[in-house]
Amino acid sequence: MTHVREVSLRGTANLAFWRERLTTEDLVPAERDGKAQIMIVGATMRFMGIPFTEISFSVLLSGQEEAAGQAGAFLFQAFNSSRLFSWCERVLFATPYHHAQCRVSVSSPISIHLVLGGELAFRAEMQAGPRRPQGQPLRIGEETWEGPVFLPKDCRGNAAKDRFFFAKMKGRTAAYPFARTVDALSIMPSQDAGIFRALLDSGFTGEEWIVREDATHGKSKSYARSALFAL
């Protein structure tokens, strides 16, 4: 999809927590400075003229696990503002999507908001103004993230076991540091979505904002994980 407005928040969490959590998935989280790497992607786009916003929560992988064979990400959970699209993702493609109110802003204040069951479940917002320690981007330029995205084994029973798809996100990127003293990060545990409890229990902390005002997002069909070596 083209002309995607994207805000991503990348951060760190407890490595031991995610190592244990991913054991049943036969995957290994990436490690940097003794921490696991979390990628939260918010994107607003159109499909067949229908506007929607989705927010996904993934754990970056090390590429050392025998079952995967290469680095990528584990899609823990995702949300879509369209009931139809979230149903299609979950039922037809075996991806862990649910319906929620999703809002993403690439302009001030740069933010990701997710409301689930009428309650604010996740909020990340970059605060502008003189209190911010560094207002200028760390870097600006074309950047791309691509790789296999692995799905939870129990997403749709046996039909979803050991599945993955290839994803790609690219575009002119502005990267900013996450300023812990002023930027907002609110996570509320929910009975309906395990990702928020997992983020809290693993001590998730924001590290870097990625902002693309005009990005391109793409993903393949899903494959059996055993097919990764042949592709």
C-alpha atoms as a PDB file:
ATOM      1  CA  MET A   1       0.000   0.000   0.000  1.00  0.00           C
ATOM      2  CA  THR A   2       1.227   3.491  -0.813  1.00  0.00           C
ATOM      3  CA  HIS A   3       0.735   6.877   0.870  1.00  0.00           C
ATOM      4  CA  VAL A   4       0.744   5.296   4.329  1.00  0.00           C
ATOM      5  CA  ARG A   5       1.074   7.614   7.307  1.00  0.00           C
ATOM      6  CA  GLU A   6       3.175   5.735   9.837  1.00  0.00           C
ATOM      7  CA  VAL A   7       4.359   6.312  13.396  1.00  0.00           C
ATOM      8  CA  SER A   8       6.423   3.570  15.004  1.00  0.00           C
ATOM      9  CA  LEU A   9       7.745   3.391  18.542  1.00  0.00           C
ATOM     10  CA  ARG A  10      10.705   1.115  19.098  1.00  0.00           C
ATOM     11  CA  GLY A  11      11.760   0.210  22.580  1.00  0.00           C
ATOM     12  CA  THR A  12      13.290  -2.312  24.934  1.00  0.00           C
ATOM     13  CA  ALA A  13      11.983  -4.831  27.447  1.00  0.00           C
ATOM     14  CA  ASN A  14      13.198  -7.568  29.784  1.00  0.00           C
ATOM     15  CA  LEU A  15      15.085 -10.149  27.759  1.00  0.00           C
ATOM     16  CA  ALA A  16      14.450 -13.107  30.085  1.00  0.00           C
ATOM     17  CA  PHE A  17      10.701 -12.444  29.981  1.00  0.00           C
ATOM     18  CA  TRP A  18      10.545 -12.548  26.185  1.00  0.00           C
ATOM     19  CA  ARG A  19      12.935 -15.481  25.912  1.00  0.00           C
ATOM     20  CA  GLU A  20      10.564 -17.503  28.060  1.00  0.00           C
ATOM     21  CA  ARG A  21       7.468 -16.158  26.288  1.00  0.00           C
ATOM     22  CA  LEU A  22       8.789 -17.106  22.850  1.00  0.00           C
ATOM     23  CA  THR A  23      10.013 -20.565  23.859  1.00  0.00           C
ATOM     24  CA  THR A  24       6.714 -22.163  22.879  1.00  0.00           C
ATOM     25  CA  GLU A  25       6.953 -20.395  19.501  1.00  0.00           C
ATOM     26  CA  ASP A  26      10.451 -21.844  18.868  1.00  0.00           C
ATOM     27  CA  LEU A  27      11.748 -18.307  18.420  1.00  0.00           C
ATOM     28  CA  VAL A  28      14.478 -16.250  20.078  1.00  0.00           C
ATOM     29  CA  PRO A  29      14.190 -12.489  20.717  1.00  0.00           C
ATOM     30  CA  ALA A  30      16.888 -10.178  19.437  1.00  0.00           C
ATOM     31  CA  GLU A  31      19.213  -8.844  22.123  1.00  0.00           C
ATOM     32  CA  ARG A  32      20.783  -5.399  22.334  1.00  0.00           C
ATOM     33  CA  ASP A  33      22.551  -4.244  25.468  1.00  0.00           C
ATOM     34  CA  GLY A  34      20.941  -7.120  27.351  1.00  0.00           C
ATOM     35  CA  LYS A  35      17.396  -6.110  26.383  1.00  0.00           C
ATOM     36  CA  ALA A  36      14.712  -7.484  24.066  1.00  0.00           C
ATOM     37  CA  GLN A  37      13.630  -5.242  21.175  1.00  0.00           C
ATOM     38  CA  ILE A  38       9.960  -4.302  20.753  1.00  0.00           C
ATOM     39  CA  MET A  39       8.484  -2.668  17.636  1.00  0.00           C
ATOM     40  CA  ILE A  40       5.085  -0.942  17.777  1.00  0.00           C
ATOM     41  CA  VAL A  41       3.799   0.229  14.400  1.00  0.00           C
ATOM     42  CA  GLY A  42       0.823   2.537  13.878  1.00  0.00           C
ATOM     43  CA  ALA A  43      -0.289   3.163  10.303  1.00  0.00           C
ATOM     44  CA  THR A  44      -3.170   4.923   8.568  1.00  0.00           C
ATOM     45  CA  MET A  45      -3.906   3.872   4.991  1.00  0.00           C
ATOM     46  CA  ARG A  46      -6.562   2.984   2.429  1.00  0.00           C
ATOM     47  CA  PHE A  47      -7.571  -0.292   0.819  1.00  0.00           C
ATOM     48  CA  MET A  48      -9.983  -0.184  -2.115  1.00  0.00           C
ATOM     49  CA  GLY A  49     -10.808   3.388  -1.125  1.00  0.00           C
ATOM     50  CA  ILE A  50     -11.669   2.443   2.475  1.00  0.00           C
ATOM     51  CA  PRO A  51      -9.617   4.305   5.109  1.00  0.00           C
ATOM     52  CA  PHE A  52      -8.461   2.445   8.205  1.00  0.00           C
ATOM     53  CA  THR A  53      -5.807   2.527  10.897  1.00  0.00           C
ATOM     54  CA  GLU A  54      -3.957  -0.404  12.397  1.00  0.00           C
ATOM     55  CA  ILE A  55      -1.544  -0.782  15.291  1.00  0.00           C
ATOM     56  CA  SER A  56       0.697  -3.823  15.666  1.00  0.00           C
ATOM     57  CA  PHE A  57       2.956  -5.037  18.482  1.00  0.00           C
ATOM     58  CA  SER A  58       5.950  -7.198  17.560  1.00  0.00           C
ATOM     59  CA  VAL A  59       9.113  -8.601  19.127  1.00  0.00           C
ATOM     60  CA  LEU A  60      12.223  -8.452  16.947  1.00  0.00           C
ATOM     61  CA  LEU A  61      14.016 -11.773  16.496  1.00  0.00           C
ATOM     62  CA  SER A  62      17.671 -12.682  16.614  1.00  0.00           C
ATOM     63  CA  GLY A  63      17.877 -14.868  13.519  1.00  0.00           C
ATOM     64  CA  GLN A  64      19.765 -17.492  15.535  1.00  0.00           C
ATOM     65  CA  GLU A  65      16.831 -19.782  16.178  1.00  0.00           C
ATOM     66  CA  GLU A  66      16.992 -22.989  14.166  1.00  0.00           C
ATOM     67  CA  ALA A  67      13.289 -22.979  13.399  1.00  0.00           C
ATOM     68  CA  ALA A  68      13.276 -19.541  11.802  1.00  0.00           C
ATOM     69  CA  GLY A  69      16.628 -19.464  10.071  1.00  0.00           C
ATOM     70  CA  GLN A  70      16.785 -15.677   9.776  1.00  0.00           C
ATOM     71  CA  ALA A  71      15.949 -12.489  11.639  1.00  0.00           C
ATOM     72  CA  GLY A  72      12.498 -10.997  11.502  1.00  0.00           C
ATOM     73  CA  ALA A  73       9.722 -10.270  13.965  1.00  0.00           C
ATOM     74  CA  PHE A  74       7.101 -12.116  15.985  1.00  0.00           C
ATOM     75  CA  LEU A  75       3.665 -10.506  15.665  1.00  0.00           C
ATOM     76  CA  PHE A  76       2.278 -10.810  19.174  1.00  0.00           C
ATOM     77  CA  GLN A  77      -0.949  -8.891  18.555  1.00  0.00           C
ATOM     78  CA  ALA A  78      -2.462  -6.293  16.213  1.00  0.00           C
ATOM     79  CA  PHE A  79      -5.553  -4.094  16.037  1.00  0.00           C
ATOM     80  CA  ASN A  80      -7.529  -2.576  13.173  1.00  0.00           C
ATOM     81  CA  SER A  81     -10.080   0.241  13.212  1.00  0.00           C
ATOM     82  CA  SER A  82     -12.202  -1.637  10.663  1.00  0.00           C
ATOM     83  CA  ARG A  83     -14.328  -4.498  11.987  1.00  0.00           C
ATOM     84  CA  LEU A  84     -14.386  -6.050   8.528  1.00  0.00           C
ATOM     85  CA  PHE A  85     -10.622  -5.906   7.997  1.00  0.00           C
ATOM     86  CA  SER A  86      -9.851  -7.198  11.491  1.00  0.00           C
ATOM     87  CA  TRP A  87     -12.243 -10.120  10.907  1.00  0.00           C
ATOM     88  CA  CYS A  88     -10.632 -10.888   7.537  1.00  0.00           C
ATOM     89  CA  GLU A  89      -7.148 -10.800   9.039  1.00  0.00           C
ATOM     90  CA  ARG A  90      -8.075 -13.061  11.922  1.00  0.00           C
ATOM     91  CA  VAL A  91     -10.343 -15.575  10.161  1.00  0.00           C
ATOM     92  CA  LEU A  92      -9.028 -15.683   6.604  1.00  0.00           C
ATOM     93  CA  PHE A  93      -5.326 -15.061   7.139  1.00  0.00           C
ATOM     94  CA  ALA A  94      -4.828 -16.398  10.693  1.00  0.00           C
ATOM     95  CA  THR A  95      -3.201 -13.191  11.920  1.00  0.00           C
ATOM     96  CA  PRO A  96      -3.779 -12.067  15.544  1.00  0.00           C
ATOM     97  CA  TYR A  97      -5.924  -8.997  14.752  1.00  0.00           C
ATOM     98  CA  HIS A  98      -8.770  -7.548  16.800  1.00  0.00           C
ATOM     99  CA  HIS A  99     -11.044  -4.569  16.312  1.00  0.00           C
ATOM    100  CA  ALA A 100     -10.264  -1.404  18.281  1.00  0.00           C
ATOM    101  CA  GLN A 101     -10.342   2.359  17.936  1.00  0.00           C
ATOM    102  CA  CYS A 102      -6.910   3.222  16.520  1.00  0.00           C
ATOM    103  CA  ARG A 103      -5.556   6.713  15.960  1.00  0.00           C
ATOM    104  CA  VAL A 104      -2.170   7.714  14.545  1.00  0.00           C
ATOM    105  CA  SER A 105      -0.850  11.234  13.982  1.00  0.00           C
ATOM    106  CA  VAL A 106       2.323  12.059  12.017  1.00  0.00           C
ATOM    107  CA  SER A 107       2.051  15.758  12.928  1.00  0.00           C
ATOM    108  CA  SER A 108       2.394  17.472  16.273  1.00  0.00           C
ATOM    109  CA  PRO A 109       1.665  15.877  18.582  1.00  0.00           C
ATOM    110  CA  ILE A 110       3.086  12.737  16.957  1.00  0.00           C
ATOM    111  CA  SER A 111       1.153   9.940  18.608  1.00  0.00           C
ATOM    112  CA  ILE A 112      -0.339   6.440  18.700  1.00  0.00           C
ATOM    113  CA  HIS A 113      -3.629   5.908  20.561  1.00  0.00           C
ATOM    114  CA  LEU A 114      -5.575   2.652  20.983  1.00  0.00           C
ATOM    115  CA  VAL A 115      -8.976   2.430  22.665  1.00  0.00           C
ATOM    116  CA  LEU A 116     -10.314  -1.040  23.451  1.00  0.00           C
ATOM    117  CA  GLY A 117     -13.763  -1.690  24.895  1.00  0.00           C
ATOM    118  CA  GLY A 118     -14.292   2.027  25.419  1.00  0.00           C
ATOM    119  CA  GLU A 119     -11.139   2.377  27.524  1.00  0.00           C
ATOM    120  CA  LEU A 120      -7.752   3.785  26.594  1.00  0.00           C
ATOM    121  CA  ALA A 121      -5.446   0.756  26.414  1.00  0.00           C
ATOM    122  CA  PHE A 122      -2.305   2.261  24.896  1.00  0.00           C
ATOM    123  CA  ARG A 123      -1.084   5.821  24.386  1.00  0.00           C
ATOM    124  CA  ALA A 124       2.294   7.019  23.187  1.00  0.00           C
ATOM    125  CA  GLU A 125       2.709  10.712  22.418  1.00  0.00           C
ATOM    126  CA  MET A 126       5.720  12.838  21.572  1.00  0.00           C
ATOM    127  CA  GLN A 127       5.606  16.107  23.463  1.00  0.00           C
ATOM    128  CA  ALA A 128       6.819  19.183  21.587  1.00  0.00           C
ATOM    129  CA  GLY A 129       8.071  22.447  23.020  1.00  0.00           C
ATOM    130  CA  PRO A 130      11.001  23.851  24.978  1.00  0.00           C
ATOM    131  CA  ARG A 131      10.910  21.099  27.621  1.00  0.00           C
ATOM    132  CA  ARG A 132      11.919  18.491  25.050  1.00  0.00           C
ATOM    133  CA  PRO A 133      15.672  17.803  25.402  1.00  0.00           C
ATOM    134  CA  GLN A 134      16.178  17.253  21.656  1.00  0.00           C
ATOM    135  CA  GLY A 135      13.667  18.638  19.174  1.00  0.00           C
ATOM    136  CA  GLN A 136      15.598  17.872  16.000  1.00  0.00           C
ATOM    137  CA  PRO A 137      15.566  14.422  14.375  1.00  0.00           C
ATOM    138  CA  LEU A 138      18.419  12.031  15.042  1.00  0.00           C
ATOM    139  CA  ARG A 139      18.438  11.292  11.309  1.00  0.00           C
ATOM    140  CA  ILE A 140      16.379  11.881   8.180  1.00  0.00           C
ATOM    141  CA  GLY A 141      16.446   9.797   5.021  1.00  0.00           C
ATOM    142  CA  GLU A 142      15.109   6.778   3.201  1.00  0.00           C
ATOM    143  CA  GLU A 143      14.890   3.716   5.447  1.00  0.00           C
ATOM    144  CA  THR A 144      13.458   0.235   5.043  1.00  0.00           C
ATOM    145  CA  TRP A 145      12.491  -2.538   7.421  1.00  0.00           C
ATOM    146  CA  GLU A 146      11.758  -5.918   5.879  1.00  0.00           C
ATOM    147  CA  GLY A 147      11.775  -9.549   6.904  1.00  0.00           C
ATOM    148  CA  PRO A 148       9.653 -12.527   7.869  1.00  0.00           C
ATOM    149  CA  VAL A 149       6.906 -11.929  10.417  1.00  0.00           C
ATOM    150  CA  PHE A 150       6.013 -15.026  12.430  1.00  0.00           C
ATOM    151  CA  LEU A 151       2.483 -15.625  13.682  1.00  0.00           C
ATOM    152  CA  PRO A 152       1.414 -17.093  17.037  1.00  0.00           C
ATOM    153  CA  LYS A 153       0.935 -20.834  16.779  1.00  0.00           C
ATOM    154  CA  ASP A 154      -2.455 -20.748  18.497  1.00  0.00           C
ATOM    155  CA  CYS A 155      -3.862 -17.867  16.456  1.00  0.00           C
ATOM    156  CA  ARG A 156      -6.365 -20.061  14.631  1.00  0.00           C
ATOM    157  CA  GLY A 157      -5.839 -23.553  15.932  1.00  0.00           C
ATOM    158  CA  ASN A 158      -3.840 -26.026  13.876  1.00  0.00           C
ATOM    159  CA  ALA A 159      -4.431 -24.101  10.655  1.00  0.00           C
ATOM    160  CA  ALA A 160      -2.233 -21.272  11.920  1.00  0.00           C
ATOM    161  CA  LYS A 161       0.561 -23.419  13.312  1.00  0.00           C
ATOM    162  CA  ASP A 162       4.058 -22.355  12.236  1.00  0.00           C
ATOM    163  CA  ARG A 163       2.948 -19.669   9.775  1.00  0.00           C
ATOM    164  CA  PHE A 164       4.704 -16.490   8.683  1.00  0.00           C
ATOM    165  CA  PHE A 165       4.546 -13.797   6.000  1.00  0.00           C
ATOM    166  CA  PHE A 166       7.050 -11.364   4.556  1.00  0.00           C
ATOM    167  CA  ALA A 167       6.568  -7.670   5.375  1.00  0.00           C
ATOM    168  CA  LYS A 168       8.209  -4.492   4.145  1.00  0.00           C
ATOM    169  CA  MET A 169       7.938  -0.887   5.332  1.00  0.00           C
ATOM    170  CA  LYS A 170       9.851   1.871   3.613  1.00  0.00           C
ATOM    171  CA  GLY A 171       9.857   5.611   3.006  1.00  0.00           C
ATOM    172  CA  ARG A 172      11.452   8.888   3.948  1.00  0.00           C
ATOM    173  CA  THR A 173      12.024   8.576   7.665  1.00  0.00           C
ATOM    174  CA  ALA A 174      12.508  11.021  10.500  1.00  0.00           C
ATOM    175  CA  ALA A 175      13.826   9.361  13.683  1.00  0.00           C
ATOM    176  CA  TYR A 176      13.586  11.037  17.091  1.00  0.00           C
ATOM    177  CA  PRO A 177      14.716   9.864  20.523  1.00  0.00           C
ATOM    178  CA  PHE A 178      11.987   8.908  22.954  1.00  0.00           C
ATOM    179  CA  ALA A 179      12.349  11.478  25.728  1.00  0.00           C
ATOM    180  CA  ARG A 180      11.337   9.626  28.893  1.00  0.00           C
ATOM    181  CA  THR A 181      11.101  12.809  30.948  1.00  0.00           C
ATOM    182  CA  VAL A 182       8.474  14.453  28.727  1.00  0.00           C
ATOM    183  CA  ASP A 183       7.054  11.996  26.190  1.00  0.00           C
ATOM    184  CA  ALA A 184       3.863  10.221  27.234  1.00  0.00           C
ATOM    185  CA  LEU A 185       3.549   6.440  27.477  1.00  0.00           C
ATOM    186  CA  SER A 186       0.444   4.891  29.044  1.00  0.00           C
ATOM    187  CA  ILE A 187      -0.302   1.165  29.018  1.00  0.00           C
ATOM    188  CA  MET A 188      -3.385  -0.291  30.651  1.00  0.00           C
ATOM    189  CA  PRO A 189      -3.737  -4.069  31.107  1.00  0.00           C
ATOM    190  CA  SER A 190      -6.806  -5.540  29.429  1.00  0.00           C
ATOM    191  CA  GLN A 191      -8.528  -8.882  29.853  1.00  0.00           C
ATOM    192  CA  ASP A 192      -9.085  -8.992  26.080  1.00  0.00           C
ATOM    193  CA  ALA A 193      -5.552  -8.253  24.908  1.00  0.00           C
ATOM    194  CA  GLY A 194      -2.532  -9.950  26.440  1.00  0.00           C
ATOM    195  CA  ILE A 195      -0.005  -7.651  24.806  1.00  0.00           C
ATOM    196  CA  PHE A 196      -0.604  -4.805  27.233  1.00  0.00           C
ATOM    197  CA  ARG A 197      -0.037  -6.979  30.290  1.00  0.00           C
ATOM    198  CA  ALA A 198       3.057  -8.425  28.594  1.00  0.00           C
ATOM    199  CA  LEU A 199       4.446  -4.938  27.936  1.00  0.00           C
ATOM    200  CA  LEU A 200       3.915  -3.939  31.556  1.00  0.00           C
ATOM    201  CA  ASP A 201       5.286  -7.177  32.995  1.00  0.00           C
ATOM    202  CA  SER A 202       8.399  -6.982  30.798  1.00  0.00           C
ATOM    203  CA  GLY A 203       9.069  -3.337  31.664  1.00  0.00           C
ATOM    204  CA  PHE A 204       8.706  -1.923  28.151  1.00  0.00           C
ATOM    205  CA  THR A 205      10.416   1.439  27.677  1.00  0.00           C
ATOM    206  CA  GLY A 206      10.335   3.600  24.560  1.00  0.00           C
ATOM    207  CA  GLU A 207      13.648   4.333  22.847  1.00  0.00           C
ATOM    208  CA  GLU A 208      13.017   5.811  19.394  1.00  0.00           C
ATOM    209  CA  TRP A 209      10.220   7.302  17.315  1.00  0.00           C
ATOM    210  CA  ILE A 210      10.060   6.514  13.594  1.00  0.00           C
ATOM    211  CA  VAL A 211       7.859   8.874  11.558  1.00  0.00           C
ATOM    212  CA  ARG A 212       7.012   8.409   7.878  1.00  0.00           C
ATOM    213  CA  GLU A 213       4.479  10.811   6.400  1.00  0.00           C
ATOM    214  CA  ASP A 214       4.326   8.996   3.051  1.00  0.00           C
ATOM    215  CA  ALA A 215       5.387   5.375   3.442  1.00  0.00           C
ATOM    216  CA  THR A 216       4.876   2.192   1.467  1.00  0.00           C
ATOM    217  CA  HIS A 217       3.782  -0.956   3.295  1.00  0.00           C
ATOM    218  CA  GLY A 218       3.542  -4.416   1.815  1.00  0.00           C
ATOM    219  CA  LYS A 219       3.129  -7.998   2.912  1.00  0.00           C
ATOM    220  CA  SER A 220       2.990 -11.372   1.245  1.00  0.00           C
ATOM    221  CA  LYS A 221       0.570 -14.218   1.689  1.00  0.00           C
ATOM    222  CA  SER A 222       1.316 -16.494   4.628  1.00  0.00           C
ATOM    223  CA  TYR A 223       3.502 -19.599   4.336  1.00  0.00           C
ATOM    224  CA  ALA A 224       4.288 -22.606   6.454  1.00  0.00           C
ATOM    225  CA  ARG A 225       7.430 -21.885   8.455  1.00  0.00           C
ATOM    226  CA  SER A 226       9.099 -24.940   6.940  1.00  0.00           C
ATOM    227  CA  ALA A 227       8.970 -23.159   3.581  1.00  0.00           C
ATOM    228  CA  LEU A 228      11.255 -20.330   4.765  1.00  0.00           C
ATOM    229  CA  PHE A 229      14.422 -22.143   3.775  1.00  0.00           C
ATOM    230  CA  ALA A 230      13.079 -22.764   0.264  1.00  0.00           C
ATOM    231  CA  LEU A 231      12.049 -19.143  -0.440  1.00  0.00           C
END
